[in-house]
């Protein structure tokens, strides 16, 4: 389906994470054309609409009140209307309400149009300066220490750049847990991005923990943990491999795959060695 300018349907409308000048021209156009605005927090939505000198029908939308809000939204969509879904800040459905609404709209046959726009995750990643060709967004960290450490252990094995949201009152405890699991991996803390008290801190997890312990911070926190440092593989002990595979009748490819995974060494090298052993 090709989008025409302000075509009917449900628009997922990312709102500024702080600075109102981050409003896109397309978002402004959609809000001007909207027949209904569904907002996570109507008070914040009103401030945004007032900034644009717009008055629009407005309803509260959260995952908890989906059953109540959906019939009103559906009624507008059924009349070929335009509904804009606004989160408090950043992109709807990304650690914010909207998943149930998107699912319901698509199931009912109404188009869903995502707008590109502000994102705390991407903004923090850009500023962190870590290699993030691949990364994992972990959302808000669990409230309990045991659950935080369990999640960190699972993610540590990936070795990738990680992004989390955290609340100020849990930040110190979370840094303690993350440092216990990740060690001194490099980290980056973004606070109040694009706002008046914007702040960025970079260092090891231990260094960030020391700073936050000495000088607690307030505001919205996005935490980026750098990718795990790659450890150079150690060349296998070929004599031990020869002894180990003696009498093994499995195909060479199967043995090579198993050993390559275990020893973190190129499969082709191991296969070549095994092939030479077989010839002798």
C-alpha atoms as a PDB file:
ATOM      1  CA  UNK A   1       0.000   0.000   0.000  1.00  0.00           C
ATOM      2  CA  UNK A   2       1.388   3.397  -0.987  1.00  0.00           C
ATOM      3  CA  UNK A   3       0.888   6.274   1.437  1.00  0.00           C
ATOM      4  CA  UNK A   4      -0.775   9.392   0.133  1.00  0.00           C
ATOM      5  CA  UNK A   5      -0.267  12.607   2.067  1.00  0.00           C
ATOM      6  CA  UNK A   6      -2.337  12.383   5.247  1.00  0.00           C
ATOM      7  CA  UNK A   7      -4.263   9.344   4.011  1.00  0.00           C
ATOM      8  CA  UNK A   8      -6.816   7.877   6.444  1.00  0.00           C
ATOM      9  CA  UNK A   9      -5.592   5.453   9.050  1.00  0.00           C
ATOM     10  CA  UNK A  10      -3.726   5.124  12.327  1.00  0.00           C
ATOM     11  CA  UNK A  11      -0.489   7.141  12.519  1.00  0.00           C
ATOM     12  CA  UNK A  12       2.225   6.212  15.025  1.00  0.00           C
ATOM     13  CA  UNK A  13       3.585   9.639  15.827  1.00  0.00           C
ATOM     14  CA  UNK A  14       6.893   9.944  17.711  1.00  0.00           C
ATOM     15  CA  UNK A  15       6.935  13.056  19.884  1.00  0.00           C
ATOM     16  CA  UNK A  16      10.027  15.028  20.972  1.00  0.00           C
ATOM     17  CA  UNK A  17      11.966  13.507  23.868  1.00  0.00           C
ATOM     18  CA  UNK A  18      12.587  17.016  25.139  1.00  0.00           C
ATOM     19  CA  UNK A  19      13.270  19.840  22.725  1.00  0.00           C
ATOM     20  CA  UNK A  20      10.097  20.885  20.884  1.00  0.00           C
ATOM     21  CA  UNK A  21      12.077  21.981  17.834  1.00  0.00           C
ATOM     22  CA  UNK A  22      12.678  18.282  17.163  1.00  0.00           C
ATOM     23  CA  UNK A  23       9.119  18.132  15.820  1.00  0.00           C
ATOM     24  CA  UNK A  24       9.208  16.951  12.218  1.00  0.00           C
ATOM     25  CA  UNK A  25       7.326  18.802   9.492  1.00  0.00           C
ATOM     26  CA  UNK A  26       5.505  15.594   8.673  1.00  0.00           C
ATOM     27  CA  UNK A  27       4.354  15.109  12.273  1.00  0.00           C
ATOM     28  CA  UNK A  28       3.017  18.665  12.293  1.00  0.00           C
ATOM     29  CA  UNK A  29       1.150  17.965   9.056  1.00  0.00           C
ATOM     30  CA  UNK A  30      -0.370  14.772  10.467  1.00  0.00           C
ATOM     31  CA  UNK A  31      -1.453  16.478  13.690  1.00  0.00           C
ATOM     32  CA  UNK A  32      -3.072  19.276  11.721  1.00  0.00           C
ATOM     33  CA  UNK A  33      -5.021  16.723   9.691  1.00  0.00           C
ATOM     34  CA  UNK A  34      -5.894  14.447  12.626  1.00  0.00           C
ATOM     35  CA  UNK A  35      -9.553  13.793  13.394  1.00  0.00           C
ATOM     36  CA  UNK A  36      -8.544  12.319  16.756  1.00  0.00           C
ATOM     37  CA  UNK A  37      -5.379  12.270  18.862  1.00  0.00           C
ATOM     38  CA  UNK A  38      -4.864   9.316  21.198  1.00  0.00           C
ATOM     39  CA  UNK A  39      -2.226  10.130  23.799  1.00  0.00           C
ATOM     40  CA  UNK A  40      -0.435   8.265  26.566  1.00  0.00           C
ATOM     41  CA  UNK A  41      -0.686  11.423  28.691  1.00  0.00           C
ATOM     42  CA  UNK A  42      -3.295  13.935  27.528  1.00  0.00           C
ATOM     43  CA  UNK A  43      -1.692  16.720  29.567  1.00  0.00           C
ATOM     44  CA  UNK A  44       1.583  16.423  27.684  1.00  0.00           C
ATOM     45  CA  UNK A  45      -0.285  16.086  24.406  1.00  0.00           C
ATOM     46  CA  UNK A  46      -2.166  19.326  25.113  1.00  0.00           C
ATOM     47  CA  UNK A  47       1.140  21.142  25.665  1.00  0.00           C
ATOM     48  CA  UNK A  48       2.387  19.855  22.326  1.00  0.00           C
ATOM     49  CA  UNK A  49      -0.819  20.796  20.514  1.00  0.00           C
ATOM     50  CA  UNK A  50      -0.827  24.241  22.157  1.00  0.00           C
ATOM     51  CA  UNK A  51       2.740  24.756  20.952  1.00  0.00           C
ATOM     52  CA  UNK A  52       1.385  24.219  17.438  1.00  0.00           C
ATOM     53  CA  UNK A  53      -1.741  26.302  18.115  1.00  0.00           C
ATOM     54  CA  UNK A  54      -3.925  23.272  17.431  1.00  0.00           C
ATOM     55  CA  UNK A  55      -7.130  22.137  19.082  1.00  0.00           C
ATOM     56  CA  UNK A  56      -7.996  18.514  18.428  1.00  0.00           C
ATOM     57  CA  UNK A  57     -10.337  15.869  19.871  1.00  0.00           C
ATOM     58  CA  UNK A  58      -8.176  14.069  22.403  1.00  0.00           C
ATOM     59  CA  UNK A  59      -8.512  10.784  24.300  1.00  0.00           C
ATOM     60  CA  UNK A  60      -6.264   8.924  26.706  1.00  0.00           C
ATOM     61  CA  UNK A  61      -4.722   5.735  25.365  1.00  0.00           C
ATOM     62  CA  UNK A  62      -2.692   3.251  27.411  1.00  0.00           C
ATOM     63  CA  UNK A  63      -2.457  -0.517  27.198  1.00  0.00           C
ATOM     64  CA  UNK A  64      -4.547  -0.692  30.390  1.00  0.00           C
ATOM     65  CA  UNK A  65      -7.519   1.203  28.901  1.00  0.00           C
ATOM     66  CA  UNK A  66      -7.370  -0.324  25.411  1.00  0.00           C
ATOM     67  CA  UNK A  67     -10.791  -1.962  25.700  1.00  0.00           C
ATOM     68  CA  UNK A  68     -12.371   1.397  26.525  1.00  0.00           C
ATOM     69  CA  UNK A  69     -10.448   3.522  24.019  1.00  0.00           C
ATOM     70  CA  UNK A  70     -10.444   1.200  21.002  1.00  0.00           C
ATOM     71  CA  UNK A  71     -14.175   1.561  20.142  1.00  0.00           C
ATOM     72  CA  UNK A  72     -13.778   5.355  19.970  1.00  0.00           C
ATOM     73  CA  UNK A  73     -10.672   5.082  17.812  1.00  0.00           C
ATOM     74  CA  UNK A  74     -12.282   2.443  15.614  1.00  0.00           C
ATOM     75  CA  UNK A  75     -15.318   4.665  15.045  1.00  0.00           C
ATOM     76  CA  UNK A  76     -13.078   7.402  13.621  1.00  0.00           C
ATOM     77  CA  UNK A  77     -11.125   4.954  11.456  1.00  0.00           C
ATOM     78  CA  UNK A  78     -14.398   3.483  10.167  1.00  0.00           C
ATOM     79  CA  UNK A  79     -15.320   6.908   8.777  1.00  0.00           C
ATOM     80  CA  UNK A  80     -11.992   7.105   6.898  1.00  0.00           C
ATOM     81  CA  UNK A  81     -10.636   9.344   9.608  1.00  0.00           C
ATOM     82  CA  UNK A  82      -7.062   9.990  10.666  1.00  0.00           C
ATOM     83  CA  UNK A  83      -5.992   9.030  14.198  1.00  0.00           C
ATOM     84  CA  UNK A  84      -2.588  10.028  15.593  1.00  0.00           C
ATOM     85  CA  UNK A  85      -1.134   8.028  18.477  1.00  0.00           C
ATOM     86  CA  UNK A  86       1.255  10.076  20.634  1.00  0.00           C
ATOM     87  CA  UNK A  87       3.503   8.682  23.359  1.00  0.00           C
ATOM     88  CA  UNK A  88       4.802  10.876  26.180  1.00  0.00           C
ATOM     89  CA  UNK A  89       8.163  11.099  24.430  1.00  0.00           C
ATOM     90  CA  UNK A  90       9.757   9.180  21.603  1.00  0.00           C
ATOM     91  CA  UNK A  91       8.193   6.432  19.538  1.00  0.00           C
ATOM     92  CA  UNK A  92       4.907   4.686  20.344  1.00  0.00           C
ATOM     93  CA  UNK A  93       5.104   0.909  20.962  1.00  0.00           C
ATOM     94  CA  UNK A  94       8.823   1.084  21.873  1.00  0.00           C
ATOM     95  CA  UNK A  95       8.646   0.692  25.673  1.00  0.00           C
ATOM     96  CA  UNK A  96       5.483   2.799  25.309  1.00  0.00           C
ATOM     97  CA  UNK A  97       1.785   2.107  24.647  1.00  0.00           C
ATOM     98  CA  UNK A  98       0.540   1.142  21.202  1.00  0.00           C
ATOM     99  CA  UNK A  99       1.095  -2.564  20.560  1.00  0.00           C
ATOM    100  CA  UNK A 100      -2.509  -3.561  21.261  1.00  0.00           C
ATOM    101  CA  UNK A 101      -3.811  -0.657  19.191  1.00  0.00           C
ATOM    102  CA  UNK A 102      -1.623  -1.498  16.174  1.00  0.00           C
ATOM    103  CA  UNK A 103      -2.709  -5.144  16.376  1.00  0.00           C
ATOM    104  CA  UNK A 104      -6.402  -4.242  16.631  1.00  0.00           C
ATOM    105  CA  UNK A 105      -6.275  -1.720  13.781  1.00  0.00           C
ATOM    106  CA  UNK A 106      -4.546  -4.132  11.411  1.00  0.00           C
ATOM    107  CA  UNK A 107      -6.896  -6.975  12.362  1.00  0.00           C
ATOM    108  CA  UNK A 108      -9.849  -4.724  11.534  1.00  0.00           C
ATOM    109  CA  UNK A 109      -8.345  -3.869   8.158  1.00  0.00           C
ATOM    110  CA  UNK A 110      -7.311  -0.271   8.829  1.00  0.00           C
ATOM    111  CA  UNK A 111      -3.924   1.019   7.576  1.00  0.00           C
ATOM    112  CA  UNK A 112      -1.191   1.762  10.094  1.00  0.00           C
ATOM    113  CA  UNK A 113       1.371   4.424   9.158  1.00  0.00           C
ATOM    114  CA  UNK A 114       4.581   4.686  11.255  1.00  0.00           C
ATOM    115  CA  UNK A 115       6.298   8.085  11.202  1.00  0.00           C
ATOM    116  CA  UNK A 116      10.059   8.311  11.720  1.00  0.00           C
ATOM    117  CA  UNK A 117      11.056  10.589  14.529  1.00  0.00           C
ATOM    118  CA  UNK A 118      12.711  11.132  17.916  1.00  0.00           C
ATOM    119  CA  UNK A 119      14.039   8.108  19.802  1.00  0.00           C
ATOM    120  CA  UNK A 120      15.939   8.094  23.087  1.00  0.00           C
ATOM    121  CA  UNK A 121      17.547   4.789  22.099  1.00  0.00           C
ATOM    122  CA  UNK A 122      19.004   6.043  18.820  1.00  0.00           C
ATOM    123  CA  UNK A 123      19.923   9.452  20.245  1.00  0.00           C
ATOM    124  CA  UNK A 124      21.918   7.890  23.082  1.00  0.00           C
ATOM    125  CA  UNK A 125      23.607   5.407  20.739  1.00  0.00           C
ATOM    126  CA  UNK A 126      24.731   8.216  18.450  1.00  0.00           C
ATOM    127  CA  UNK A 127      26.290  10.133  21.324  1.00  0.00           C
ATOM    128  CA  UNK A 128      27.878   7.081  22.980  1.00  0.00           C
ATOM    129  CA  UNK A 129      30.369   6.514  20.186  1.00  0.00           C
ATOM    130  CA  UNK A 130      30.337   2.723  20.489  1.00  0.00           C
ATOM    131  CA  UNK A 131      30.394   0.348  17.538  1.00  0.00           C
ATOM    132  CA  UNK A 132      26.681  -0.399  17.267  1.00  0.00           C
ATOM    133  CA  UNK A 133      26.168  -2.076  13.914  1.00  0.00           C
ATOM    134  CA  UNK A 134      24.237  -4.550  16.048  1.00  0.00           C
ATOM    135  CA  UNK A 135      22.758  -3.753  19.446  1.00  0.00           C
ATOM    136  CA  UNK A 136      20.130  -4.971  21.891  1.00  0.00           C
ATOM    137  CA  UNK A 137      17.516  -2.686  23.441  1.00  0.00           C
ATOM    138  CA  UNK A 138      16.598  -4.060  26.861  1.00  0.00           C
ATOM    139  CA  UNK A 139      13.915  -1.518  27.767  1.00  0.00           C
ATOM    140  CA  UNK A 140      13.571  -0.657  31.453  1.00  0.00           C
ATOM    141  CA  UNK A 141      15.749  -2.797  33.676  1.00  0.00           C
ATOM    142  CA  UNK A 142      13.872  -5.120  36.092  1.00  0.00           C
ATOM    143  CA  UNK A 143      13.096  -3.707  39.526  1.00  0.00           C
ATOM    144  CA  UNK A 144      14.643  -6.568  41.524  1.00  0.00           C
ATOM    145  CA  UNK A 145      18.385  -7.136  41.753  1.00  0.00           C
ATOM    146  CA  UNK A 146      18.140 -10.895  41.133  1.00  0.00           C
ATOM    147  CA  UNK A 147      16.157 -10.340  37.932  1.00  0.00           C
ATOM    148  CA  UNK A 148      18.537  -7.591  36.739  1.00  0.00           C
ATOM    149  CA  UNK A 149      21.543  -9.863  37.166  1.00  0.00           C
ATOM    150  CA  UNK A 150      19.768 -12.752  35.474  1.00  0.00           C
ATOM    151  CA  UNK A 151      18.969 -10.564  32.446  1.00  0.00           C
ATOM    152  CA  UNK A 152      22.528  -9.213  32.356  1.00  0.00           C
ATOM    153  CA  UNK A 153      23.975 -12.733  32.359  1.00  0.00           C
ATOM    154  CA  UNK A 154      21.833 -13.699  29.375  1.00  0.00           C
ATOM    155  CA  UNK A 155      22.820 -10.588  27.443  1.00  0.00           C
ATOM    156  CA  UNK A 156      26.510 -10.773  28.355  1.00  0.00           C
ATOM    157  CA  UNK A 157      26.976 -13.895  26.250  1.00  0.00           C
ATOM    158  CA  UNK A 158      25.901 -11.934  23.137  1.00  0.00           C
ATOM    159  CA  UNK A 159      28.786  -9.497  23.500  1.00  0.00           C
ATOM    160  CA  UNK A 160      26.776  -6.755  21.785  1.00  0.00           C
ATOM    161  CA  UNK A 161      26.191  -3.082  22.567  1.00  0.00           C
ATOM    162  CA  UNK A 162      23.243  -2.807  24.994  1.00  0.00           C
ATOM    163  CA  UNK A 163      20.764   0.003  25.687  1.00  0.00           C
ATOM    164  CA  UNK A 164      18.555   0.303  28.774  1.00  0.00           C
ATOM    165  CA  UNK A 165      16.193   2.809  30.342  1.00  0.00           C
ATOM    166  CA  UNK A 166      16.418   3.345  34.097  1.00  0.00           C
ATOM    167  CA  UNK A 167      14.799   5.465  36.778  1.00  0.00           C
ATOM    168  CA  UNK A 168      16.971   7.768  38.927  1.00  0.00           C
ATOM    169  CA  UNK A 169      16.082   6.093  42.228  1.00  0.00           C
ATOM    170  CA  UNK A 170      17.218   2.656  40.969  1.00  0.00           C
ATOM    171  CA  UNK A 171      20.224   3.831  38.946  1.00  0.00           C
ATOM    172  CA  UNK A 172      22.908   3.194  41.585  1.00  0.00           C
ATOM    173  CA  UNK A 173      21.633  -0.287  42.418  1.00  0.00           C
ATOM    174  CA  UNK A 174      21.367  -1.163  38.730  1.00  0.00           C
ATOM    175  CA  UNK A 175      24.910   0.010  38.023  1.00  0.00           C
ATOM    176  CA  UNK A 176      26.128  -2.164  40.909  1.00  0.00           C
ATOM    177  CA  UNK A 177      24.406  -5.227  39.438  1.00  0.00           C
ATOM    178  CA  UNK A 178      25.547  -4.521  35.885  1.00  0.00           C
ATOM    179  CA  UNK A 179      29.143  -3.949  36.997  1.00  0.00           C
ATOM    180  CA  UNK A 180      29.049  -7.233  38.911  1.00  0.00           C
ATOM    181  CA  UNK A 181      28.055  -9.107  35.755  1.00  0.00           C
ATOM    182  CA  UNK A 182      29.712  -7.135  32.942  1.00  0.00           C
ATOM    183  CA  UNK A 183      32.833  -6.128  34.832  1.00  0.00           C
ATOM    184  CA  UNK A 184      34.442  -2.914  33.602  1.00  0.00           C
ATOM    185  CA  UNK A 185      32.875  -2.843  30.158  1.00  0.00           C
ATOM    186  CA  UNK A 186      32.732   0.732  28.811  1.00  0.00           C
ATOM    187  CA  UNK A 187      29.439   2.519  29.375  1.00  0.00           C
ATOM    188  CA  UNK A 188      27.676   5.758  28.570  1.00  0.00           C
ATOM    189  CA  UNK A 189      24.981   7.498  30.584  1.00  0.00           C
ATOM    190  CA  UNK A 190      22.655   9.987  28.883  1.00  0.00           C
ATOM    191  CA  UNK A 191      20.490  12.128  31.151  1.00  0.00           C
ATOM    192  CA  UNK A 192      17.676  14.508  30.177  1.00  0.00           C
ATOM    193  CA  UNK A 193      18.590  14.368  26.492  1.00  0.00           C
ATOM    194  CA  UNK A 194      17.724  17.510  24.494  1.00  0.00           C
ATOM    195  CA  UNK A 195      16.441  19.226  27.653  1.00  0.00           C
ATOM    196  CA  UNK A 196      17.760  22.138  29.718  1.00  0.00           C
ATOM    197  CA  UNK A 197      19.834  19.928  32.049  1.00  0.00           C
ATOM    198  CA  UNK A 198      21.150  17.574  29.359  1.00  0.00           C
ATOM    199  CA  UNK A 199      24.205  15.617  30.552  1.00  0.00           C
ATOM    200  CA  UNK A 200      26.426  12.846  29.227  1.00  0.00           C
ATOM    201  CA  UNK A 201      28.870  10.682  31.189  1.00  0.00           C
ATOM    202  CA  UNK A 202      31.256   8.106  29.715  1.00  0.00           C
ATOM    203  CA  UNK A 203      33.578   5.666  31.414  1.00  0.00           C
ATOM    204  CA  UNK A 204      33.699   2.110  32.653  1.00  0.00           C
ATOM    205  CA  UNK A 205      30.676   0.772  34.548  1.00  0.00           C
ATOM    206  CA  UNK A 206      32.752   1.023  37.730  1.00  0.00           C
ATOM    207  CA  UNK A 207      33.597   4.664  37.063  1.00  0.00           C
ATOM    208  CA  UNK A 208      29.971   5.542  36.365  1.00  0.00           C
ATOM    209  CA  UNK A 209      28.940   3.756  39.572  1.00  0.00           C
ATOM    210  CA  UNK A 210      31.454   5.804  41.585  1.00  0.00           C
ATOM    211  CA  UNK A 211      30.181   9.060  40.074  1.00  0.00           C
ATOM    212  CA  UNK A 212      26.504   8.266  40.603  1.00  0.00           C
ATOM    213  CA  UNK A 213      27.150   7.065  44.163  1.00  0.00           C
ATOM    214  CA  UNK A 214      28.934  10.318  45.005  1.00  0.00           C
ATOM    215  CA  UNK A 215      26.573  12.562  43.016  1.00  0.00           C
ATOM    216  CA  UNK A 216      23.099  11.042  42.466  1.00  0.00           C
ATOM    217  CA  UNK A 217      21.264  12.257  39.366  1.00  0.00           C
ATOM    218  CA  UNK A 218      17.639  13.037  38.643  1.00  0.00           C
ATOM    219  CA  UNK A 219      15.751  12.968  35.367  1.00  0.00           C
ATOM    220  CA  UNK A 220      15.272  10.520  32.520  1.00  0.00           C
ATOM    221  CA  UNK A 221      18.178   8.111  32.129  1.00  0.00           C
ATOM    222  CA  UNK A 222      19.309   6.105  29.107  1.00  0.00           C
ATOM    223  CA  UNK A 223      22.239   3.774  29.730  1.00  0.00           C
ATOM    224  CA  UNK A 224      24.406   2.363  26.927  1.00  0.00           C
ATOM    225  CA  UNK A 225      26.885  -0.453  27.571  1.00  0.00           C
ATOM    226  CA  UNK A 226      29.618  -0.879  24.997  1.00  0.00           C
ATOM    227  CA  UNK A 227      30.226  -4.159  23.187  1.00  0.00           C
ATOM    228  CA  UNK A 228      32.270  -6.823  24.886  1.00  0.00           C
ATOM    229  CA  UNK A 229      35.959  -6.676  24.046  1.00  0.00           C
ATOM    230  CA  UNK A 230      36.948  -9.479  21.700  1.00  0.00           C
ATOM    231  CA  UNK A 231      39.524 -11.859  23.104  1.00  0.00           C
ATOM    232  CA  UNK A 232      41.994 -13.135  20.542  1.00  0.00           C
ATOM    233  CA  UNK A 233      41.515 -16.891  20.105  1.00  0.00           C
ATOM    234  CA  UNK A 234      44.328 -19.172  21.257  1.00  0.00           C
ATOM    235  CA  UNK A 235      45.639 -21.598  18.655  1.00  0.00           C
ATOM    236  CA  UNK A 236      44.493 -25.117  19.456  1.00  0.00           C
ATOM    237  CA  UNK A 237      46.861 -27.781  20.715  1.00  0.00           C
ATOM    238  CA  UNK A 238      46.919 -29.867  17.549  1.00  0.00           C
ATOM    239  CA  UNK A 239      48.521 -32.861  19.244  1.00  0.00           C
ATOM    240  CA  UNK A 240      45.674 -32.985  21.745  1.00  0.00           C
ATOM    241  CA  UNK A 241      43.145 -32.778  18.922  1.00  0.00           C
ATOM    242  CA  UNK A 242      44.844 -35.689  17.143  1.00  0.00           C
ATOM    243  CA  UNK A 243      44.638 -37.773  20.293  1.00  0.00           C
ATOM    244  CA  UNK A 244      41.063 -36.775  20.918  1.00  0.00           C
ATOM    245  CA  UNK A 245      39.727 -37.738  17.464  1.00  0.00           C
ATOM    246  CA  UNK A 246      41.664 -41.007  17.271  1.00  0.00           C
ATOM    247  CA  UNK A 247      39.154 -43.713  16.459  1.00  0.00           C
ATOM    248  CA  UNK A 248      36.314 -41.247  15.852  1.00  0.00           C
ATOM    249  CA  UNK A 249      34.432 -42.476  12.777  1.00  0.00           C
ATOM    250  CA  UNK A 250      32.133 -39.502  12.341  1.00  0.00           C
ATOM    251  CA  UNK A 251      32.353 -37.399   9.145  1.00  0.00           C
ATOM    252  CA  UNK A 252      35.219 -34.887   9.199  1.00  0.00           C
ATOM    253  CA  UNK A 253      32.779 -31.980   8.699  1.00  0.00           C
ATOM    254  CA  UNK A 254      30.828 -32.939  11.821  1.00  0.00           C
ATOM    255  CA  UNK A 255      33.979 -33.204  13.947  1.00  0.00           C
ATOM    256  CA  UNK A 256      35.382 -29.963  12.535  1.00  0.00           C
ATOM    257  CA  UNK A 257      32.151 -28.064  13.277  1.00  0.00           C
ATOM    258  CA  UNK A 258      32.100 -29.327  16.856  1.00  0.00           C
ATOM    259  CA  UNK A 259      35.746 -28.475  17.504  1.00  0.00           C
ATOM    260  CA  UNK A 260      35.534 -25.063  15.804  1.00  0.00           C
ATOM    261  CA  UNK A 261      32.643 -24.042  18.060  1.00  0.00           C
ATOM    262  CA  UNK A 262      34.347 -25.339  21.184  1.00  0.00           C
ATOM    263  CA  UNK A 263      37.808 -23.926  20.458  1.00  0.00           C
ATOM    264  CA  UNK A 264      36.751 -20.676  18.721  1.00  0.00           C
ATOM    265  CA  UNK A 265      38.979 -21.490  15.765  1.00  0.00           C
ATOM    266  CA  UNK A 266      38.205 -21.431  12.020  1.00  0.00           C
ATOM    267  CA  UNK A 267      36.434 -24.590  10.917  1.00  0.00           C
ATOM    268  CA  UNK A 268      38.370 -24.754   7.646  1.00  0.00           C
ATOM    269  CA  UNK A 269      41.690 -24.915   9.522  1.00  0.00           C
ATOM    270  CA  UNK A 270      40.474 -27.712  11.767  1.00  0.00           C
ATOM    271  CA  UNK A 271      38.944 -29.576   8.830  1.00  0.00           C
ATOM    272  CA  UNK A 272      42.208 -29.316   6.919  1.00  0.00           C
ATOM    273  CA  UNK A 273      44.138 -30.697   9.887  1.00  0.00           C
ATOM    274  CA  UNK A 274      41.727 -33.579  10.329  1.00  0.00           C
ATOM    275  CA  UNK A 275      41.936 -34.385   6.603  1.00  0.00           C
ATOM    276  CA  UNK A 276      45.744 -34.596   6.819  1.00  0.00           C
ATOM    277  CA  UNK A 277      45.444 -36.873   9.865  1.00  0.00           C
ATOM    278  CA  UNK A 278      43.193 -39.186   7.911  1.00  0.00           C
ATOM    279  CA  UNK A 279      45.757 -39.414   5.077  1.00  0.00           C
ATOM    280  CA  UNK A 280      48.541 -40.502   7.439  1.00  0.00           C
END
